[in-house]
Protein backbone atom coordinates (compact mmCIF):
# COMPACT_ATOMS: atom_id res chain seq x y z
CA MET A 1 13.60 -20.19 -1.23
CA ALA A 2 10.26 -20.34 -2.93
CA LEU A 3 8.06 -17.18 -3.24
CA SER A 4 5.12 -16.97 -0.93
CA ILE A 5 2.50 -14.05 -0.74
CA ASP A 6 0.33 -13.12 2.06
CA LYS A 7 -2.53 -10.91 1.23
CA THR A 8 -4.64 -8.33 3.10
CA VAL A 9 -7.50 -6.44 1.51
CA ASP A 10 -9.02 -3.06 2.51
CA GLY A 11 -11.78 -2.17 -0.06
CA LYS A 12 -9.96 -1.47 -3.36
CA ILE A 13 -6.54 -1.68 -1.63
CA ALA A 14 -4.65 -4.94 -1.67
CA VAL A 15 -1.38 -5.33 0.35
CA LEU A 16 0.72 -8.27 -0.77
CA GLU A 17 3.54 -9.23 1.49
CA VAL A 18 6.12 -11.06 -0.52
CA HIS A 19 8.65 -13.48 0.93
CA GLY A 20 11.47 -15.33 -0.88
CA ARG A 21 12.99 -14.49 -4.35
CA ILE A 22 11.59 -12.69 -7.36
CA VAL A 23 13.46 -14.55 -10.06
CA LEU A 24 12.84 -16.12 -13.47
CA GLY A 25 10.39 -18.98 -13.42
CA GLU A 26 7.60 -19.81 -10.96
CA GLU A 27 8.50 -17.06 -8.52
CA SER A 28 7.95 -14.22 -11.03
CA SER A 29 4.89 -15.97 -12.42
CA ARG A 30 3.40 -16.33 -9.16
CA LEU A 31 3.83 -12.75 -8.17
CA ARG A 32 2.43 -11.51 -11.70
CA ALA A 33 -0.62 -13.79 -11.25
CA ALA A 34 -1.15 -12.49 -7.77
CA VAL A 35 -1.17 -8.86 -8.93
CA LEU A 36 -3.43 -9.59 -11.99
CA ASP A 37 -5.89 -11.41 -9.79
CA GLU A 38 -6.22 -8.36 -7.57
CA LEU A 39 -6.79 -6.14 -10.58
CA ALA A 40 -9.42 -8.59 -11.95
CA ASN A 41 -11.19 -8.30 -8.53
CA GLN A 42 -11.37 -4.39 -8.85
CA ARG A 43 -8.56 -3.85 -6.44
CA SER A 44 -6.48 -1.39 -8.32
CA LYS A 45 -4.39 0.06 -5.52
CA ILE A 46 -1.70 -2.44 -4.69
CA ALA A 47 1.14 -2.26 -2.30
CA LEU A 48 3.92 -4.72 -2.24
CA VAL A 49 5.70 -5.35 0.98
CA LEU A 50 9.21 -6.32 -0.09
CA GLU A 51 11.28 -6.36 3.11
CA ASP A 52 11.58 -10.25 2.94
CA VAL A 53 12.68 -10.39 -0.65
CA ALA A 54 16.18 -11.95 -0.44
CA GLN A 55 16.94 -11.67 -4.23
CA ILE A 56 15.42 -10.11 -7.51
CA ASP A 57 16.83 -10.71 -11.07
CA SER A 58 16.08 -8.99 -14.30
CA SER A 59 12.94 -11.20 -14.82
CA GLY A 60 11.72 -10.06 -11.30
CA TRP A 61 12.21 -6.42 -12.42
CA GLY A 62 10.33 -7.24 -15.53
CA THR A 63 7.53 -8.55 -13.30
CA LEU A 64 7.49 -5.38 -11.29
CA VAL A 65 7.36 -3.22 -14.27
CA SER A 66 4.59 -5.13 -15.86
CA ALA A 67 2.61 -5.03 -12.54
CA TYR A 68 3.04 -1.42 -12.26
CA THR A 69 1.96 -0.81 -15.90
CA ALA A 70 -1.09 -3.13 -15.44
CA ALA A 71 -2.25 -1.27 -12.35
CA ALA A 72 -1.84 2.13 -14.22
CA ASN A 73 -3.68 0.87 -17.22
CA VAL A 74 -6.75 0.35 -15.09
CA GLY A 75 -6.50 3.78 -13.27
CA GLY A 76 -4.73 2.26 -10.28
CA GLU A 77 -1.24 2.31 -8.74
CA LEU A 78 1.34 -0.03 -7.54
CA VAL A 79 3.58 1.04 -4.65
CA LEU A 80 6.41 -0.55 -2.63
CA ILE A 81 6.68 -0.97 1.15
CA LYS A 82 10.06 -1.54 2.76
CA PRO A 83 11.98 -2.57 -0.25
CA SER A 84 14.80 -5.01 0.77
CA ARG A 85 18.43 -4.06 0.38
CA SER A 86 18.58 -6.31 -2.59
CA ILE A 87 15.83 -4.58 -4.33
CA VAL A 88 17.21 -0.99 -3.58
CA GLU A 89 20.78 -1.97 -4.81
CA SER A 90 19.62 -3.62 -8.03
CA GLY A 91 17.02 -0.93 -8.66
CA THR A 92 19.52 1.73 -8.25
CA VAL A 93 21.88 0.13 -10.76
CA ASN A 94 19.03 -0.33 -13.33
CA ARG A 95 17.45 2.97 -12.45
CA LEU A 96 13.99 1.40 -11.91
CA ILE A 97 13.64 2.01 -8.11
CA GLY A 98 12.88 5.62 -8.91
CA VAL A 99 9.87 4.87 -10.85
CA TYR A 100 7.97 3.47 -7.71
CA LYS A 101 6.60 5.33 -4.72
CA ALA A 102 8.04 3.69 -1.52
CA PHE A 103 6.79 3.64 2.03
CA ASP A 104 8.17 2.70 5.35
CA SER A 105 5.08 0.98 6.63
CA ILE A 106 1.89 -0.51 5.49
CA ASP A 107 0.00 2.12 7.31
CA GLU A 108 1.66 4.89 5.36
CA ALA A 109 0.80 3.24 2.04
CA VAL A 110 -2.85 2.60 2.94
CA ALA A 111 -3.17 6.21 4.09
CA TYR A 112 -1.71 7.36 0.88
CA PHE A 113 -4.08 5.32 -1.21
CA LYS A 114 -7.08 6.35 0.80
CA GLN A 115 -6.21 10.03 0.01
CA THR A 116 -5.97 9.37 -3.82
C-alpha cells in the first residue's frame, strides 16, 4: 500500500494523517518531505496521526527520528496521535516509542500545542 498523507493546518500547527506503510523508499521520502515542507512554512508543531500505518521498518523509524530532530532544531515539536499496533510494537522493541509524546486524539494534541 502506497503512503498517502492528509494535512490539516491550524496556525503553526500541522496535523498530518498518514495512511499506508512507512518503509524504505518512496514512502519514507514522502513523509520526510511532508514534514520538512511544514517546517519550511513556519509550522513547527507537527502531529502525525499514525492509526492507519500498517507497517514501519527501520528506515521508517529513521524518518520519524529525523523529523523529530528537524522540528526540535527549529524550536518545534513532533508528536504522535494514535500510533498503530505495528508502530507501538516495533517502537517498544527498538526503544524509540518512548521518545515521543503520544495522544489519543487530534483534539488532545492540538490542545497540548496551544498550551506550549
